Amino acid sequence: QAGNWPLANYYYSEARNHIRWLIRINPNPKGPEGTPVDLKGIFDGIDTSSLADVKAAIDKKDGKAFAATYRLALESCYSCHKAVGRPYLKPMIPKTAPQPIINLDPGANWPQ
């Protein structure tokens, strides 16, 4: 919302790297039926579709597209959570910002 696109890109990259690390540690967790789930296959599909759309919106600095693609990415993430038997992990768009240690204002002076 503040138009801090470099920070959005940073968080995007961090999220992708965390997911990739998770897949590396446990690539085939058991799903609800006890059979292995191909996390890499699921993530590859999400990474080349909804997450790629988020990245494109960030690169274009398009706030409207970002809001729509971010929502779709969360839906994609939730479908993966359900596939591995963790439907209780329900990502959502925050209603309020947490008290961060990072100033989200791209025009802020430092330190404040």
C-alpha atoms as a PDB file:
ATOM      1  CA  GLN A   1       0.000   0.000   0.000  1.00  0.00           C
ATOM      2  CA  ALA A   2       2.906   2.351   0.635  1.00  0.00           C
ATOM      3  CA  GLY A   3       4.509   1.516  -2.695  1.00  0.00           C
ATOM      4  CA  ASN A   4       7.690   0.131  -1.188  1.00  0.00           C
ATOM      5  CA  TRP A   5       8.369  -2.209  -4.104  1.00  0.00           C
ATOM      6  CA  PRO A   6      11.981  -3.084  -3.149  1.00  0.00           C
ATOM      7  CA  LEU A   7      10.703  -4.281   0.234  1.00  0.00           C
ATOM      8  CA  ALA A   8       7.851  -6.205  -1.415  1.00  0.00           C
ATOM      9  CA  ASN A   9      10.407  -7.893  -3.666  1.00  0.00           C
ATOM     10  CA  TYR A  10      12.546  -8.762  -0.639  1.00  0.00           C
ATOM     11  CA  TYR A  11       9.610 -10.361   1.208  1.00  0.00           C
ATOM     12  CA  TYR A  12       8.550 -12.183  -1.957  1.00  0.00           C
ATOM     13  CA  SER A  13      12.034 -13.678  -2.345  1.00  0.00           C
ATOM     14  CA  GLU A  14      12.221 -14.595   1.341  1.00  0.00           C
ATOM     15  CA  ALA A  15       8.866 -16.392   1.198  1.00  0.00           C
ATOM     16  CA  ARG A  16       9.870 -18.376  -1.909  1.00  0.00           C
ATOM     17  CA  ASN A  17      13.210 -19.323  -0.350  1.00  0.00           C
ATOM     18  CA  HIS A  18      11.536 -20.490   2.868  1.00  0.00           C
ATOM     19  CA  ILE A  19       9.164 -22.688   0.891  1.00  0.00           C
ATOM     20  CA  ARG A  20      12.026 -24.115  -1.175  1.00  0.00           C
ATOM     21  CA  TRP A  21      13.967 -24.853   2.013  1.00  0.00           C
ATOM     22  CA  LEU A  22      10.927 -26.624   3.484  1.00  0.00           C
ATOM     23  CA  ILE A  23      10.664 -28.778   0.354  1.00  0.00           C
ATOM     24  CA  ARG A  24      14.349 -29.602   0.535  1.00  0.00           C
ATOM     25  CA  ILE A  25      14.016 -30.771   4.147  1.00  0.00           C
ATOM     26  CA  ASN A  26      10.809 -32.772   3.657  1.00  0.00           C
ATOM     27  CA  PRO A  27       9.951 -33.175  -0.034  1.00  0.00           C
ATOM     28  CA  ASN A  28       7.259 -35.833   0.431  1.00  0.00           C
ATOM     29  CA  PRO A  29       5.288 -35.403   3.668  1.00  0.00           C
ATOM     30  CA  LYS A  30       2.379 -37.731   4.258  1.00  0.00           C
ATOM     31  CA  GLY A  31      -1.012 -36.384   3.284  1.00  0.00           C
ATOM     32  CA  PRO A  32      -4.298 -36.932   5.127  1.00  0.00           C
ATOM     33  CA  GLU A  33      -4.608 -40.479   3.753  1.00  0.00           C
ATOM     34  CA  GLY A  34      -1.060 -41.366   4.811  1.00  0.00           C
ATOM     35  CA  THR A  35       0.363 -41.346   1.284  1.00  0.00           C
ATOM     36  CA  PRO A  36       3.315 -39.142   0.316  1.00  0.00           C
ATOM     37  CA  VAL A  37       2.520 -35.759  -1.226  1.00  0.00           C
ATOM     38  CA  ASP A  38       4.832 -34.356  -3.912  1.00  0.00           C
ATOM     39  CA  LEU A  39       5.459 -30.893  -2.457  1.00  0.00           C
ATOM     40  CA  LYS A  40       7.937 -29.956  -5.158  1.00  0.00           C
ATOM     41  CA  GLY A  41       5.402 -30.735  -7.863  1.00  0.00           C
ATOM     42  CA  ILE A  42       2.739 -28.647  -6.119  1.00  0.00           C
ATOM     43  CA  PHE A  43       5.140 -25.777  -5.499  1.00  0.00           C
ATOM     44  CA  ASP A  44       6.451 -25.831  -9.070  1.00  0.00           C
ATOM     45  CA  GLY A  45       2.886 -25.319 -10.280  1.00  0.00           C
ATOM     46  CA  ILE A  46       2.241 -22.475  -7.831  1.00  0.00           C
ATOM     47  CA  ASP A  47       5.650 -20.923  -8.475  1.00  0.00           C
ATOM     48  CA  THR A  48       5.070 -20.698 -12.225  1.00  0.00           C
ATOM     49  CA  SER A  49       1.500 -19.430 -11.925  1.00  0.00           C
ATOM     50  CA  SER A  50       0.169 -17.461  -8.968  1.00  0.00           C
ATOM     51  CA  LEU A  51       3.562 -16.641  -7.433  1.00  0.00           C
ATOM     52  CA  ALA A  52       4.910 -15.611 -10.838  1.00  0.00           C
ATOM     53  CA  ASP A  53       1.936 -13.259 -11.157  1.00  0.00           C
ATOM     54  CA  VAL A  54       2.765 -11.701  -7.781  1.00  0.00           C
ATOM     55  CA  LYS A  55       6.360 -11.177  -8.917  1.00  0.00           C
ATOM     56  CA  ALA A  56       5.174  -9.585 -12.165  1.00  0.00           C
ATOM     57  CA  ALA A  57       2.930  -7.171 -10.243  1.00  0.00           C
ATOM     58  CA  ILE A  58       5.851  -6.238  -7.986  1.00  0.00           C
ATOM     59  CA  ASP A  59       8.155  -5.723 -10.970  1.00  0.00           C
ATOM     60  CA  LYS A  60       5.542  -3.516 -12.675  1.00  0.00           C
ATOM     61  CA  LYS A  61       4.852  -1.666  -9.397  1.00  0.00           C
ATOM     62  CA  ASP A  62       1.160  -2.306  -9.976  1.00  0.00           C
ATOM     63  CA  GLY A  63      -0.711  -2.072  -6.683  1.00  0.00           C
ATOM     64  CA  LYS A  64      -4.055  -3.124  -8.124  1.00  0.00           C
ATOM     65  CA  ALA A  65      -2.616  -6.227  -9.802  1.00  0.00           C
ATOM     66  CA  PHE A  66      -0.606  -7.009  -6.684  1.00  0.00           C
ATOM     67  CA  ALA A  67      -3.716  -7.089  -4.489  1.00  0.00           C
ATOM     68  CA  ALA A  68      -5.472  -9.502  -6.849  1.00  0.00           C
ATOM     69  CA  THR A  69      -2.487 -11.770  -7.447  1.00  0.00           C
ATOM     70  CA  TYR A  70      -1.565 -11.839  -3.754  1.00  0.00           C
ATOM     71  CA  ARG A  71      -5.070 -13.078  -2.912  1.00  0.00           C
ATOM     72  CA  LEU A  72      -4.782 -15.794  -5.574  1.00  0.00           C
ATOM     73  CA  ALA A  73      -1.347 -16.807  -4.254  1.00  0.00           C
ATOM     74  CA  LEU A  74      -2.786 -17.207  -0.745  1.00  0.00           C
ATOM     75  CA  GLU A  75      -5.534 -19.415  -2.168  1.00  0.00           C
ATOM     76  CA  SER A  76      -2.870 -21.499  -3.925  1.00  0.00           C
ATOM     77  CA  CYS A  77      -0.884 -21.801  -0.714  1.00  0.00           C
ATOM     78  CA  TYR A  78      -3.977 -22.936   1.156  1.00  0.00           C
ATOM     79  CA  SER A  79      -4.687 -25.639  -1.420  1.00  0.00           C
ATOM     80  CA  CYS A  80      -1.209 -27.011  -0.734  1.00  0.00           C
ATOM     81  CA  HIS A  81      -1.780 -26.846   3.034  1.00  0.00           C
ATOM     82  CA  LYS A  82      -4.941 -28.916   2.575  1.00  0.00           C
ATOM     83  CA  ALA A  83      -3.121 -31.418   0.329  1.00  0.00           C
ATOM     84  CA  VAL A  84      -0.611 -32.184   3.078  1.00  0.00           C
ATOM     85  CA  GLY A  85      -3.302 -32.469   5.755  1.00  0.00           C
ATOM     86  CA  ARG A  86      -2.790 -29.080   7.364  1.00  0.00           C
ATOM     87  CA  PRO A  87      -6.041 -27.252   6.599  1.00  0.00           C
ATOM     88  CA  TYR A  88      -5.676 -25.383   9.891  1.00  0.00           C
ATOM     89  CA  LEU A  89      -2.875 -23.287   8.302  1.00  0.00           C
ATOM     90  CA  LYS A  90      -5.122 -20.649   6.732  1.00  0.00           C
ATOM     91  CA  PRO A  91      -3.181 -17.738   5.266  1.00  0.00           C
ATOM     92  CA  MET A  92      -5.049 -14.457   5.108  1.00  0.00           C
ATOM     93  CA  ILE A  93      -4.572 -10.880   4.063  1.00  0.00           C
ATOM     94  CA  PRO A  94      -3.702  -8.970   7.238  1.00  0.00           C
ATOM     95  CA  LYS A  95      -6.314  -6.501   8.429  1.00  0.00           C
ATOM     96  CA  THR A  96      -3.759  -4.504  10.401  1.00  0.00           C
ATOM     97  CA  ALA A  97      -0.006  -4.305  10.128  1.00  0.00           C
ATOM     98  CA  PRO A  98       2.018  -5.874  12.943  1.00  0.00           C
ATOM     99  CA  GLN A  99       4.435  -3.696  14.858  1.00  0.00           C
ATOM    100  CA  PRO A 100       7.431  -4.274  12.611  1.00  0.00           C
ATOM    101  CA  ILE A 101      11.061  -3.585  13.266  1.00  0.00           C
ATOM    102  CA  ILE A 102      11.253  -2.515   9.617  1.00  0.00           C
ATOM    103  CA  ASN A 103       9.891   0.875   8.578  1.00  0.00           C
ATOM    104  CA  LEU A 104       7.598   0.130   5.642  1.00  0.00           C
ATOM    105  CA  ASP A 105       7.512   3.727   4.373  1.00  0.00           C
ATOM    106  CA  PRO A 106       9.742   3.956   1.273  1.00  0.00           C
ATOM    107  CA  GLY A 107      10.272   7.675   1.918  1.00  0.00           C
ATOM    108  CA  ALA A 108      11.213   7.374   5.600  1.00  0.00           C
ATOM    109  CA  ASN A 109      14.431   8.810   6.933  1.00  0.00           C
ATOM    110  CA  TRP A 110      16.611   6.635   9.067  1.00  0.00           C
ATOM    111  CA  PRO A 111      16.851   6.283  12.029  1.00  0.00           C
ATOM    112  CA  GLN A 112      13.475   7.149  13.432  1.00  0.00           C
END
